[in-house]
Amino acid sequence: MNATAVLQVVQESTGPDLEAAEQAAREFLRALGVLDETEGTRDTPGRMARGYAELLTARPFRMTTFPNEEGYDELVLARDIPVRSVCQHHMLPFVGVAHVGYLPGARILGLSKLARVVEHFACRPQVQERLTKQTADWIAHHLQPKGVGVVIEAEHTCMTLRGVQATGSRTVTSTLLGTLRNNPASRHEFLALTGVHR
């Protein structure tokens, strides 16, 4: 198979040490005075370790592309891709949706891979701005399309559950590259189709 048709994403680490994470979670909870070793909380440190390991471990995937044999030159957009990540400042979750689109060049992308790229970069401590840009840059680099657009809308629990407690507030970030950045009509079409103008 052609190397440009399938790109392998390699996980950057050897995997979490769940035993060490569980011990650290136990000490953390004790330090906060919330672990009383009852039947209901005895397994909480292990659950915490496994939960965070799941949130912070990306599944490997193959970046499948195909020749654009029909010369399709209109926008391809996947809307409302679920996003879940962890704020790098407070290690609290943020959740929302991503809208990811591109204007094809010589190749088109397997549609599920738009969601996979978002998931790949979301599975690490993040800030939403970087997550948005990493997703767009990765697609631009590996697919070489005429343009890429990524919009992420998310609620950050570090802002809604603590501090200012701005319940219901959502943060919107965008990265536009190529034609979607430079051509006003293409830019407007992409943003309109994402629904961010509603």
N, C-alpha and C. Protein backbone atom coordinates (compact mmCIF):
# COMPACT_ATOMS: atom_id res chain seq x y z
N MET A 1 0.84 -1.19 0.00
CA MET A 1 0.00 0.00 0.00
C MET A 1 0.88 1.25 0.00
N ASN A 2 0.46 2.27 -0.75
CA ASN A 2 1.20 3.51 -0.88
C ASN A 2 1.32 4.21 0.47
N ALA A 3 2.53 4.63 0.80
CA ALA A 3 2.77 5.26 2.11
C ALA A 3 1.99 6.55 2.27
N THR A 4 1.67 7.23 1.14
CA THR A 4 0.90 8.47 1.25
C THR A 4 -0.58 8.19 1.45
N ALA A 5 -1.01 6.94 1.20
CA ALA A 5 -2.43 6.60 1.35
C ALA A 5 -2.78 6.29 2.78
N VAL A 6 -1.85 5.71 3.52
CA VAL A 6 -2.12 5.33 4.90
C VAL A 6 -0.97 5.83 5.77
N LEU A 7 -1.32 6.66 6.76
CA LEU A 7 -0.32 7.20 7.68
C LEU A 7 -0.61 6.66 9.06
N GLN A 8 0.41 6.13 9.70
CA GLN A 8 0.24 5.53 11.03
C GLN A 8 0.52 6.55 12.11
N VAL A 9 -0.42 6.68 13.05
CA VAL A 9 -0.20 7.52 14.21
C VAL A 9 0.36 6.65 15.31
N VAL A 10 1.52 6.99 15.83
CA VAL A 10 2.18 6.22 16.86
C VAL A 10 1.98 6.90 18.21
N GLN A 11 1.54 6.14 19.18
CA GLN A 11 1.39 6.71 20.51
C GLN A 11 2.75 7.16 21.03
N GLU A 12 2.75 8.29 21.72
CA GLU A 12 3.99 8.91 22.13
C GLU A 12 4.54 8.36 23.45
N SER A 13 3.79 7.53 24.15
CA SER A 13 4.28 7.02 25.41
C SER A 13 4.09 5.51 25.47
N THR A 14 4.67 4.89 26.49
CA THR A 14 4.54 3.45 26.66
C THR A 14 3.27 3.09 27.40
N GLY A 15 2.51 4.04 27.81
CA GLY A 15 1.28 3.77 28.52
C GLY A 15 1.37 4.17 29.98
N PRO A 16 0.22 4.34 30.64
CA PRO A 16 0.21 4.80 32.02
C PRO A 16 0.62 3.70 33.00
N ASP A 17 1.19 4.09 34.12
CA ASP A 17 1.51 3.20 35.23
C ASP A 17 0.33 3.29 36.20
N LEU A 18 -0.63 2.40 36.04
CA LEU A 18 -1.86 2.48 36.82
C LEU A 18 -1.62 2.25 38.31
N GLU A 19 -0.68 1.40 38.65
CA GLU A 19 -0.40 1.15 40.06
C GLU A 19 0.12 2.41 40.75
N ALA A 20 1.07 3.08 40.10
CA ALA A 20 1.61 4.32 40.67
C ALA A 20 0.54 5.41 40.71
N ALA A 21 -0.29 5.47 39.65
CA ALA A 21 -1.35 6.48 39.60
C ALA A 21 -2.37 6.25 40.71
N GLU A 22 -2.70 4.98 40.96
CA GLU A 22 -3.65 4.68 42.04
C GLU A 22 -3.10 5.08 43.40
N GLN A 23 -1.83 4.80 43.64
CA GLN A 23 -1.22 5.19 44.91
C GLN A 23 -1.20 6.70 45.07
N ALA A 24 -0.85 7.39 43.99
CA ALA A 24 -0.83 8.86 44.03
C ALA A 24 -2.23 9.42 44.26
N ALA A 25 -3.25 8.81 43.65
CA ALA A 25 -4.63 9.26 43.84
C ALA A 25 -5.05 9.05 45.29
N ARG A 26 -4.65 7.93 45.87
CA ARG A 26 -4.98 7.67 47.27
C ARG A 26 -4.38 8.74 48.19
N GLU A 27 -3.10 9.06 47.96
CA GLU A 27 -2.43 10.08 48.77
C GLU A 27 -3.05 11.46 48.56
N PHE A 28 -3.40 11.75 47.31
CA PHE A 28 -4.03 13.03 46.97
C PHE A 28 -5.35 13.19 47.71
N LEU A 29 -6.20 12.15 47.66
CA LEU A 29 -7.50 12.23 48.31
C LEU A 29 -7.36 12.32 49.84
N ARG A 30 -6.40 11.60 50.38
CA ARG A 30 -6.16 11.68 51.83
C ARG A 30 -5.71 13.09 52.22
N ALA A 31 -4.83 13.67 51.42
CA ALA A 31 -4.34 15.02 51.71
C ALA A 31 -5.47 16.03 51.70
N LEU A 32 -6.50 15.79 50.88
CA LEU A 32 -7.65 16.69 50.83
C LEU A 32 -8.71 16.34 51.88
N GLY A 33 -8.50 15.25 52.60
CA GLY A 33 -9.43 14.87 53.64
C GLY A 33 -10.72 14.26 53.14
N VAL A 34 -10.70 13.67 51.94
CA VAL A 34 -11.94 13.13 51.38
C VAL A 34 -11.93 11.61 51.26
N LEU A 35 -10.85 10.95 51.64
CA LEU A 35 -10.80 9.50 51.53
C LEU A 35 -10.94 8.91 52.93
N ASP A 36 -12.10 8.30 53.20
CA ASP A 36 -12.34 7.77 54.54
C ASP A 36 -12.34 6.25 54.57
N GLU A 37 -11.94 5.61 53.47
CA GLU A 37 -11.80 4.16 53.41
C GLU A 37 -13.08 3.41 53.78
N THR A 38 -14.22 3.94 53.37
CA THR A 38 -15.47 3.20 53.53
C THR A 38 -15.61 2.24 52.35
N GLU A 39 -16.63 1.41 52.43
CA GLU A 39 -16.85 0.47 51.33
C GLU A 39 -17.09 1.20 50.01
N GLY A 40 -17.74 2.34 50.10
CA GLY A 40 -18.04 3.11 48.89
C GLY A 40 -16.85 3.83 48.28
N THR A 41 -15.83 4.12 49.11
CA THR A 41 -14.68 4.88 48.59
C THR A 41 -13.39 4.08 48.51
N ARG A 42 -13.42 2.83 49.00
CA ARG A 42 -12.20 2.04 49.05
C ARG A 42 -11.54 1.91 47.67
N ASP A 43 -12.35 1.75 46.62
CA ASP A 43 -11.81 1.57 45.27
C ASP A 43 -11.75 2.87 44.46
N THR A 44 -12.04 3.99 45.11
CA THR A 44 -12.04 5.27 44.39
C THR A 44 -10.68 5.61 43.79
N PRO A 45 -9.56 5.45 44.49
CA PRO A 45 -8.27 5.78 43.86
C PRO A 45 -8.01 4.99 42.58
N GLY A 46 -8.35 3.72 42.58
CA GLY A 46 -8.19 2.92 41.36
C GLY A 46 -9.09 3.40 40.24
N ARG A 47 -10.32 3.75 40.60
CA ARG A 47 -11.24 4.27 39.58
C ARG A 47 -10.72 5.59 39.01
N MET A 48 -10.19 6.44 39.90
CA MET A 48 -9.61 7.71 39.44
C MET A 48 -8.46 7.45 38.47
N ALA A 49 -7.56 6.54 38.85
CA ALA A 49 -6.40 6.24 38.01
C ALA A 49 -6.84 5.73 36.64
N ARG A 50 -7.78 4.80 36.62
CA ARG A 50 -8.26 4.25 35.34
C ARG A 50 -9.02 5.30 34.53
N GLY A 51 -9.79 6.14 35.23
CA GLY A 51 -10.56 7.18 34.53
C GLY A 51 -9.66 8.19 33.83
N TYR A 52 -8.66 8.68 34.58
CA TYR A 52 -7.74 9.64 33.97
C TYR A 52 -6.88 8.99 32.90
N ALA A 53 -6.50 7.73 33.10
CA ALA A 53 -5.73 7.02 32.06
C ALA A 53 -6.54 6.94 30.77
N GLU A 54 -7.83 6.69 30.89
CA GLU A 54 -8.68 6.64 29.70
C GLU A 54 -8.78 8.00 29.02
N LEU A 55 -8.93 9.04 29.83
CA LEU A 55 -9.03 10.39 29.28
C LEU A 55 -7.74 10.83 28.58
N LEU A 56 -6.60 10.34 29.07
CA LEU A 56 -5.31 10.84 28.61
C LEU A 56 -4.56 9.88 27.68
N THR A 57 -5.23 8.83 27.22
CA THR A 57 -4.57 7.87 26.34
C THR A 57 -5.30 7.81 24.99
N ALA A 58 -4.63 8.25 23.95
CA ALA A 58 -5.23 8.24 22.61
C ALA A 58 -5.14 6.85 22.01
N ARG A 59 -6.20 6.47 21.29
CA ARG A 59 -6.16 5.20 20.56
C ARG A 59 -5.41 5.40 19.26
N PRO A 60 -4.53 4.48 18.89
CA PRO A 60 -3.83 4.62 17.60
C PRO A 60 -4.82 4.45 16.45
N PHE A 61 -4.54 5.09 15.33
CA PHE A 61 -5.38 4.94 14.15
C PHE A 61 -4.55 5.12 12.89
N ARG A 62 -5.12 4.68 11.79
CA ARG A 62 -4.45 4.82 10.49
C ARG A 62 -5.12 5.96 9.72
N MET A 63 -4.32 6.87 9.24
CA MET A 63 -4.82 8.05 8.51
C MET A 63 -5.07 7.65 7.06
N THR A 64 -6.26 7.12 6.79
CA THR A 64 -6.59 6.61 5.46
C THR A 64 -7.01 7.74 4.54
N THR A 65 -6.34 7.86 3.41
CA THR A 65 -6.73 8.82 2.37
C THR A 65 -6.92 8.07 1.06
N PHE A 66 -7.65 8.71 0.14
CA PHE A 66 -7.95 8.10 -1.15
C PHE A 66 -7.75 9.13 -2.26
N PRO A 67 -7.45 8.69 -3.47
CA PRO A 67 -7.34 9.64 -4.58
C PRO A 67 -8.66 10.37 -4.80
N ASN A 68 -8.59 11.64 -5.09
CA ASN A 68 -9.78 12.45 -5.38
C ASN A 68 -10.08 12.30 -6.87
N GLU A 69 -10.53 11.11 -7.25
CA GLU A 69 -10.68 10.77 -8.67
C GLU A 69 -11.73 11.60 -9.38
N GLU A 70 -12.75 12.05 -8.66
CA GLU A 70 -13.81 12.86 -9.28
C GLU A 70 -13.46 14.34 -9.31
N GLY A 71 -12.35 14.70 -8.72
CA GLY A 71 -11.97 16.11 -8.67
C GLY A 71 -12.92 16.94 -7.83
N TYR A 72 -13.45 16.34 -6.75
CA TYR A 72 -14.38 17.06 -5.88
C TYR A 72 -13.67 18.27 -5.29
N ASP A 73 -14.30 19.45 -5.44
CA ASP A 73 -13.62 20.67 -5.00
C ASP A 73 -14.48 21.55 -4.10
N GLU A 74 -15.49 20.94 -3.48
CA GLU A 74 -16.34 21.66 -2.53
C GLU A 74 -15.97 21.26 -1.11
N LEU A 75 -16.51 21.98 -0.18
CA LEU A 75 -16.20 21.77 1.23
C LEU A 75 -16.66 20.40 1.72
N VAL A 76 -15.81 19.75 2.50
CA VAL A 76 -16.16 18.53 3.23
C VAL A 76 -16.13 18.90 4.70
N LEU A 77 -17.25 18.70 5.40
CA LEU A 77 -17.36 19.16 6.78
C LEU A 77 -18.00 18.10 7.66
N ALA A 78 -17.36 17.78 8.76
CA ALA A 78 -17.95 16.93 9.80
C ALA A 78 -18.30 17.84 10.97
N ARG A 79 -19.60 17.92 11.27
CA ARG A 79 -20.04 18.80 12.36
C ARG A 79 -20.30 18.01 13.63
N ASP A 80 -20.22 18.72 14.74
CA ASP A 80 -20.61 18.18 16.04
C ASP A 80 -19.86 16.91 16.43
N ILE A 81 -18.56 16.89 16.14
CA ILE A 81 -17.72 15.78 16.61
C ILE A 81 -17.53 15.96 18.12
N PRO A 82 -17.87 14.96 18.92
CA PRO A 82 -17.72 15.11 20.38
C PRO A 82 -16.25 15.33 20.76
N VAL A 83 -16.04 16.27 21.67
CA VAL A 83 -14.70 16.57 22.19
C VAL A 83 -14.73 16.40 23.70
N ARG A 84 -13.75 15.69 24.22
CA ARG A 84 -13.55 15.62 25.67
C ARG A 84 -12.05 15.70 25.89
N SER A 85 -11.66 16.58 26.76
CA SER A 85 -10.25 16.73 27.07
C SER A 85 -10.12 17.18 28.51
N VAL A 86 -8.88 17.40 28.94
CA VAL A 86 -8.60 17.81 30.31
C VAL A 86 -7.77 19.09 30.27
N CYS A 87 -8.24 20.09 30.98
CA CYS A 87 -7.53 21.37 31.06
C CYS A 87 -6.16 21.18 31.70
N GLN A 88 -5.13 21.64 31.03
CA GLN A 88 -3.77 21.44 31.56
C GLN A 88 -3.50 22.27 32.81
N HIS A 89 -4.32 23.28 33.05
CA HIS A 89 -4.08 24.15 34.21
C HIS A 89 -4.68 23.60 35.50
N HIS A 90 -5.82 22.89 35.39
CA HIS A 90 -6.50 22.41 36.59
C HIS A 90 -6.76 20.91 36.57
N MET A 91 -6.46 20.25 35.47
CA MET A 91 -6.74 18.82 35.28
C MET A 91 -8.23 18.51 35.48
N LEU A 92 -9.07 19.46 35.10
CA LEU A 92 -10.50 19.25 35.08
C LEU A 92 -10.97 19.13 33.63
N PRO A 93 -12.03 18.36 33.38
CA PRO A 93 -12.45 18.12 32.00
C PRO A 93 -13.04 19.36 31.34
N PHE A 94 -12.90 19.42 30.01
CA PHE A 94 -13.73 20.29 29.19
C PHE A 94 -14.32 19.46 28.08
N VAL A 95 -15.58 19.75 27.78
CA VAL A 95 -16.32 18.93 26.81
C VAL A 95 -17.08 19.84 25.86
N GLY A 96 -17.28 19.34 24.65
CA GLY A 96 -18.01 20.12 23.66
C GLY A 96 -18.03 19.41 22.33
N VAL A 97 -18.00 20.21 21.27
CA VAL A 97 -18.03 19.66 19.91
C VAL A 97 -17.01 20.38 19.05
N ALA A 98 -16.54 19.65 18.04
CA ALA A 98 -15.65 20.22 17.03
C ALA A 98 -16.33 20.13 15.68
N HIS A 99 -16.10 21.15 14.86
CA HIS A 99 -16.54 21.15 13.47
C HIS A 99 -15.26 21.21 12.64
N VAL A 100 -15.03 20.18 11.83
CA VAL A 100 -13.77 20.07 11.10
C VAL A 100 -14.07 19.90 9.61
N GLY A 101 -13.46 20.77 8.80
CA GLY A 101 -13.71 20.70 7.37
C GLY A 101 -12.46 20.97 6.57
N TYR A 102 -12.52 20.60 5.28
CA TYR A 102 -11.40 20.88 4.39
C TYR A 102 -11.88 20.98 2.96
N LEU A 103 -11.11 21.69 2.16
CA LEU A 103 -11.33 21.76 0.70
C LEU A 103 -10.34 20.81 0.07
N PRO A 104 -10.80 19.73 -0.57
CA PRO A 104 -9.89 18.69 -1.05
C PRO A 104 -8.92 19.18 -2.12
N GLY A 105 -7.76 18.56 -2.12
CA GLY A 105 -6.77 18.70 -3.17
C GLY A 105 -6.74 17.40 -3.95
N ALA A 106 -5.58 16.79 -4.06
CA ALA A 106 -5.43 15.56 -4.83
C ALA A 106 -6.00 14.34 -4.11
N ARG A 107 -6.18 14.44 -2.77
CA ARG A 107 -6.67 13.28 -2.02
C ARG A 107 -7.82 13.69 -1.11
N ILE A 108 -8.66 12.71 -0.80
CA ILE A 108 -9.74 12.90 0.16
C ILE A 108 -9.49 11.99 1.35
N LEU A 109 -10.17 12.28 2.44
CA LEU A 109 -9.90 11.61 3.71
C LEU A 109 -11.07 10.72 4.09
N GLY A 110 -10.78 9.53 4.66
CA GLY A 110 -11.85 8.74 5.26
C GLY A 110 -12.52 9.58 6.35
N LEU A 111 -13.83 9.74 6.27
CA LEU A 111 -14.53 10.71 7.12
C LEU A 111 -14.34 10.47 8.61
N SER A 112 -14.29 9.22 9.03
CA SER A 112 -14.12 8.96 10.46
C SER A 112 -12.80 9.50 10.98
N LYS A 113 -11.85 9.72 10.08
CA LYS A 113 -10.53 10.17 10.51
C LYS A 113 -10.56 11.62 10.99
N LEU A 114 -11.54 12.40 10.56
CA LEU A 114 -11.66 13.76 11.09
C LEU A 114 -11.91 13.71 12.59
N ALA A 115 -12.77 12.79 13.01
CA ALA A 115 -13.03 12.63 14.44
C ALA A 115 -11.84 12.03 15.16
N ARG A 116 -11.15 11.11 14.50
CA ARG A 116 -9.99 10.47 15.12
C ARG A 116 -8.85 11.47 15.40
N VAL A 117 -8.65 12.41 14.48
CA VAL A 117 -7.60 13.41 14.69
C VAL A 117 -7.93 14.28 15.89
N VAL A 118 -9.20 14.69 16.00
CA VAL A 118 -9.62 15.49 17.16
C VAL A 118 -9.37 14.70 18.44
N GLU A 119 -9.81 13.44 18.46
CA GLU A 119 -9.63 12.60 19.65
C GLU A 119 -8.15 12.44 19.99
N HIS A 120 -7.32 12.25 18.97
CA HIS A 120 -5.89 12.04 19.20
C HIS A 120 -5.25 13.20 19.98
N PHE A 121 -5.56 14.43 19.57
CA PHE A 121 -4.96 15.58 20.24
C PHE A 121 -5.68 15.95 21.53
N ALA A 122 -6.95 15.53 21.66
CA ALA A 122 -7.70 15.83 22.89
C ALA A 122 -7.26 14.94 24.05
N CYS A 123 -6.66 13.79 23.75
CA CYS A 123 -6.27 12.83 24.80
C CYS A 123 -4.93 13.16 25.42
N ARG A 124 -4.83 14.36 25.94
CA ARG A 124 -3.65 14.82 26.68
C ARG A 124 -4.05 16.11 27.38
N PRO A 125 -3.35 16.52 28.40
CA PRO A 125 -3.68 17.82 29.01
C PRO A 125 -3.58 18.91 27.96
N GLN A 126 -4.62 19.73 27.85
CA GLN A 126 -4.73 20.64 26.73
C GLN A 126 -5.20 22.02 27.15
N VAL A 127 -5.05 22.96 26.22
CA VAL A 127 -5.81 24.20 26.19
C VAL A 127 -6.57 24.17 24.86
N GLN A 128 -7.75 24.73 24.86
CA GLN A 128 -8.60 24.62 23.68
C GLN A 128 -7.97 25.27 22.45
N GLU A 129 -7.27 26.37 22.66
CA GLU A 129 -6.64 27.06 21.53
C GLU A 129 -5.64 26.15 20.82
N ARG A 130 -4.80 25.46 21.61
CA ARG A 130 -3.80 24.58 21.02
C ARG A 130 -4.45 23.36 20.35
N LEU A 131 -5.47 22.80 21.00
CA LEU A 131 -6.18 21.66 20.42
C LEU A 131 -6.75 22.00 19.04
N THR A 132 -7.32 23.19 18.92
CA THR A 132 -7.88 23.64 17.65
C THR A 132 -6.81 23.74 16.58
N LYS A 133 -5.70 24.36 16.92
CA LYS A 133 -4.62 24.55 15.95
C LYS A 133 -3.92 23.25 15.60
N GLN A 134 -3.66 22.40 16.59
CA GLN A 134 -3.01 21.12 16.31
C GLN A 134 -3.83 20.28 15.34
N THR A 135 -5.14 20.26 15.53
CA THR A 135 -6.01 19.48 14.65
C THR A 135 -5.92 19.99 13.22
N ALA A 136 -6.03 21.31 13.05
CA ALA A 136 -5.97 21.90 11.71
C ALA A 136 -4.60 21.69 11.05
N ASP A 137 -3.54 21.94 11.81
CA ASP A 137 -2.18 21.80 11.26
C ASP A 137 -1.89 20.37 10.84
N TRP A 138 -2.36 19.39 11.64
CA TRP A 138 -2.11 17.99 11.33
C TRP A 138 -2.79 17.58 10.03
N ILE A 139 -4.05 18.01 9.88
CA ILE A 139 -4.78 17.69 8.64
C ILE A 139 -4.11 18.36 7.45
N ALA A 140 -3.72 19.62 7.61
CA ALA A 140 -3.06 20.34 6.51
C ALA A 140 -1.76 19.65 6.12
N HIS A 141 -0.99 19.22 7.08
CA HIS A 141 0.31 18.60 6.80
C HIS A 141 0.15 17.24 6.11
N HIS A 142 -0.76 16.40 6.61
CA HIS A 142 -0.86 15.04 6.11
C HIS A 142 -1.74 14.89 4.88
N LEU A 143 -2.70 15.80 4.68
CA LEU A 143 -3.62 15.67 3.55
C LEU A 143 -3.28 16.63 2.41
N GLN A 144 -2.61 17.74 2.72
CA GLN A 144 -2.28 18.77 1.71
C GLN A 144 -3.53 19.25 0.96
N PRO A 145 -4.59 19.64 1.69
CA PRO A 145 -5.80 20.14 1.04
C PRO A 145 -5.62 21.60 0.63
N LYS A 146 -6.62 22.15 -0.06
CA LYS A 146 -6.58 23.57 -0.43
C LYS A 146 -6.89 24.47 0.76
N GLY A 147 -7.59 23.93 1.72
CA GLY A 147 -7.91 24.70 2.92
C GLY A 147 -8.39 23.78 4.03
N VAL A 148 -8.23 24.23 5.26
CA VAL A 148 -8.68 23.48 6.43
C VAL A 148 -9.34 24.46 7.39
N GLY A 149 -10.42 24.01 8.01
CA GLY A 149 -11.08 24.80 9.05
C GLY A 149 -11.45 23.94 10.24
N VAL A 150 -11.18 24.44 11.43
CA VAL A 150 -11.56 23.75 12.67
C VAL A 150 -12.16 24.77 13.62
N VAL A 151 -13.35 24.47 14.11
CA VAL A 151 -13.99 25.28 15.15
C VAL A 151 -14.34 24.35 16.29
N ILE A 152 -13.96 24.74 17.50
CA ILE A 152 -14.31 23.95 18.68
C ILE A 152 -15.11 24.82 19.63
N GLU A 153 -16.23 24.27 20.11
CA GLU A 153 -17.06 24.91 21.11
C GLU A 153 -17.08 24.00 22.33
N ALA A 154 -16.67 24.51 23.50
CA ALA A 154 -16.59 23.63 24.66
C ALA A 154 -16.91 24.37 25.95
N GLU A 155 -17.39 23.59 26.92
CA GLU A 155 -17.62 24.08 28.27
C GLU A 155 -16.49 23.57 29.15
N HIS A 156 -15.83 24.47 29.84
CA HIS A 156 -14.68 24.13 30.68
C HIS A 156 -15.12 24.08 32.14
N THR A 157 -15.01 22.90 32.74
CA THR A 157 -15.44 22.79 34.14
C THR A 157 -14.53 23.55 35.09
N CYS A 158 -13.31 23.87 34.65
CA CYS A 158 -12.45 24.71 35.49
C CYS A 158 -13.00 26.13 35.59
N MET A 159 -13.93 26.47 34.70
CA MET A 159 -14.55 27.80 34.71
C MET A 159 -15.99 27.74 35.20
N THR A 160 -16.67 26.59 35.02
CA THR A 160 -18.08 26.51 35.39
C THR A 160 -18.31 25.92 36.77
N LEU A 161 -17.39 25.07 37.27
CA LEU A 161 -17.58 24.42 38.56
C LEU A 161 -16.76 25.03 39.69
N ARG A 162 -15.80 25.88 39.34
CA ARG A 162 -14.92 26.49 40.36
C ARG A 162 -14.67 27.93 39.95
N GLY A 163 -13.90 28.65 40.75
CA GLY A 163 -13.54 30.02 40.40
C GLY A 163 -14.76 30.89 40.17
N VAL A 164 -14.88 31.39 38.95
CA VAL A 164 -15.97 32.31 38.61
C VAL A 164 -17.33 31.60 38.56
N GLN A 165 -17.35 30.26 38.43
CA GLN A 165 -18.57 29.46 38.37
C GLN A 165 -19.56 30.00 37.34
N ALA A 166 -19.04 30.21 36.12
CA ALA A 166 -19.85 30.74 35.02
C ALA A 166 -20.60 29.61 34.34
N THR A 167 -21.58 29.06 35.03
CA THR A 167 -22.33 27.91 34.55
C THR A 167 -22.97 28.19 33.19
N GLY A 168 -22.79 27.25 32.27
CA GLY A 168 -23.40 27.37 30.94
C GLY A 168 -22.57 28.11 29.92
N SER A 169 -21.48 28.75 30.34
CA SER A 169 -20.66 29.48 29.37
C SER A 169 -19.88 28.49 28.51
N ARG A 170 -19.68 28.86 27.23
CA ARG A 170 -18.94 28.02 26.29
C ARG A 170 -17.86 28.87 25.64
N THR A 171 -16.75 28.24 25.35
CA THR A 171 -15.64 28.90 24.68
C THR A 171 -15.58 28.42 23.23
N VAL A 172 -15.40 29.36 22.30
CA VAL A 172 -15.32 29.02 20.87
C VAL A 172 -13.95 29.44 20.36
N THR A 173 -13.26 28.49 19.71
CA THR A 173 -11.98 28.78 19.08
C THR A 173 -12.01 28.31 17.64
N SER A 174 -11.20 28.94 16.80
CA SER A 174 -11.17 28.53 15.39
C SER A 174 -9.76 28.66 14.84
N THR A 175 -9.46 27.79 13.88
CA THR A 175 -8.25 27.89 13.08
C THR A 175 -8.65 27.67 11.64
N LEU A 176 -8.32 28.62 10.77
CA LEU A 176 -8.60 28.52 9.35
C LEU A 176 -7.30 28.63 8.59
N LEU A 177 -7.09 27.72 7.64
CA LEU A 177 -5.85 27.69 6.87
C LEU A 177 -6.16 27.67 5.38
N GLY A 178 -5.22 28.17 4.59
CA GLY A 178 -5.34 28.12 3.13
C GLY A 178 -6.51 28.94 2.63
N THR A 179 -7.26 28.38 1.69
CA THR A 179 -8.39 29.08 1.07
C THR A 179 -9.45 29.47 2.09
N LEU A 180 -9.65 28.65 3.11
CA LEU A 180 -10.67 28.97 4.11
C LEU A 180 -10.28 30.17 4.96
N ARG A 181 -9.02 30.52 4.96
CA ARG A 181 -8.58 31.71 5.66
C ARG A 181 -8.51 32.92 4.73
N ASN A 182 -8.04 32.68 3.51
CA ASN A 182 -7.72 33.79 2.60
C ASN A 182 -8.87 34.23 1.71
N ASN A 183 -9.84 33.35 1.46
CA ASN A 183 -10.95 33.68 0.58
C ASN A 183 -12.19 33.97 1.42
N PRO A 184 -12.67 35.23 1.43
CA PRO A 184 -13.80 35.59 2.30
C PRO A 184 -15.05 34.75 2.06
N ALA A 185 -15.34 34.40 0.79
CA ALA A 185 -16.54 33.61 0.50
C ALA A 185 -16.41 32.20 1.07
N SER A 186 -15.24 31.60 0.90
CA SER A 186 -15.02 30.25 1.44
C SER A 186 -15.04 30.26 2.96
N ARG A 187 -14.44 31.28 3.52
CA ARG A 187 -14.43 31.43 4.98
C ARG A 187 -15.87 31.54 5.51
N HIS A 188 -16.68 32.39 4.87
CA HIS A 188 -18.07 32.58 5.29
C HIS A 188 -18.86 31.28 5.15
N GLU A 189 -18.66 30.56 4.05
CA GLU A 189 -19.38 29.30 3.84
C GLU A 189 -19.04 28.30 4.94
N PHE A 190 -17.76 28.17 5.26
CA PHE A 190 -17.37 27.23 6.30
C PHE A 190 -17.99 27.60 7.64
N LEU A 191 -17.87 28.85 8.04
CA LEU A 191 -18.40 29.27 9.34
C LEU A 191 -19.92 29.16 9.40
N ALA A 192 -20.58 29.44 8.26
CA ALA A 192 -22.04 29.31 8.21
C ALA A 192 -22.46 27.85 8.38
N LEU A 193 -21.75 26.95 7.71
CA LEU A 193 -22.10 25.53 7.79
C LEU A 193 -21.81 24.93 9.16
N THR A 194 -20.84 25.48 9.89
CA THR A 194 -20.58 24.99 11.24
C THR A 194 -21.69 25.40 12.20
N GLY A 195 -22.42 26.45 11.86
CA GLY A 195 -23.50 26.94 12.74
C GLY A 195 -23.02 27.92 13.78
N VAL A 196 -21.76 28.36 13.70
CA VAL A 196 -21.27 29.28 14.75
C VAL A 196 -21.89 30.66 14.63
N HIS A 197 -22.56 30.97 13.50
CA HIS A 197 -23.21 32.27 13.34
C HIS A 197 -24.61 32.30 13.96
N ARG A 198 -25.08 31.15 14.50
CA ARG A 198 -26.46 31.10 15.00
C ARG A 198 -26.65 31.99 16.21
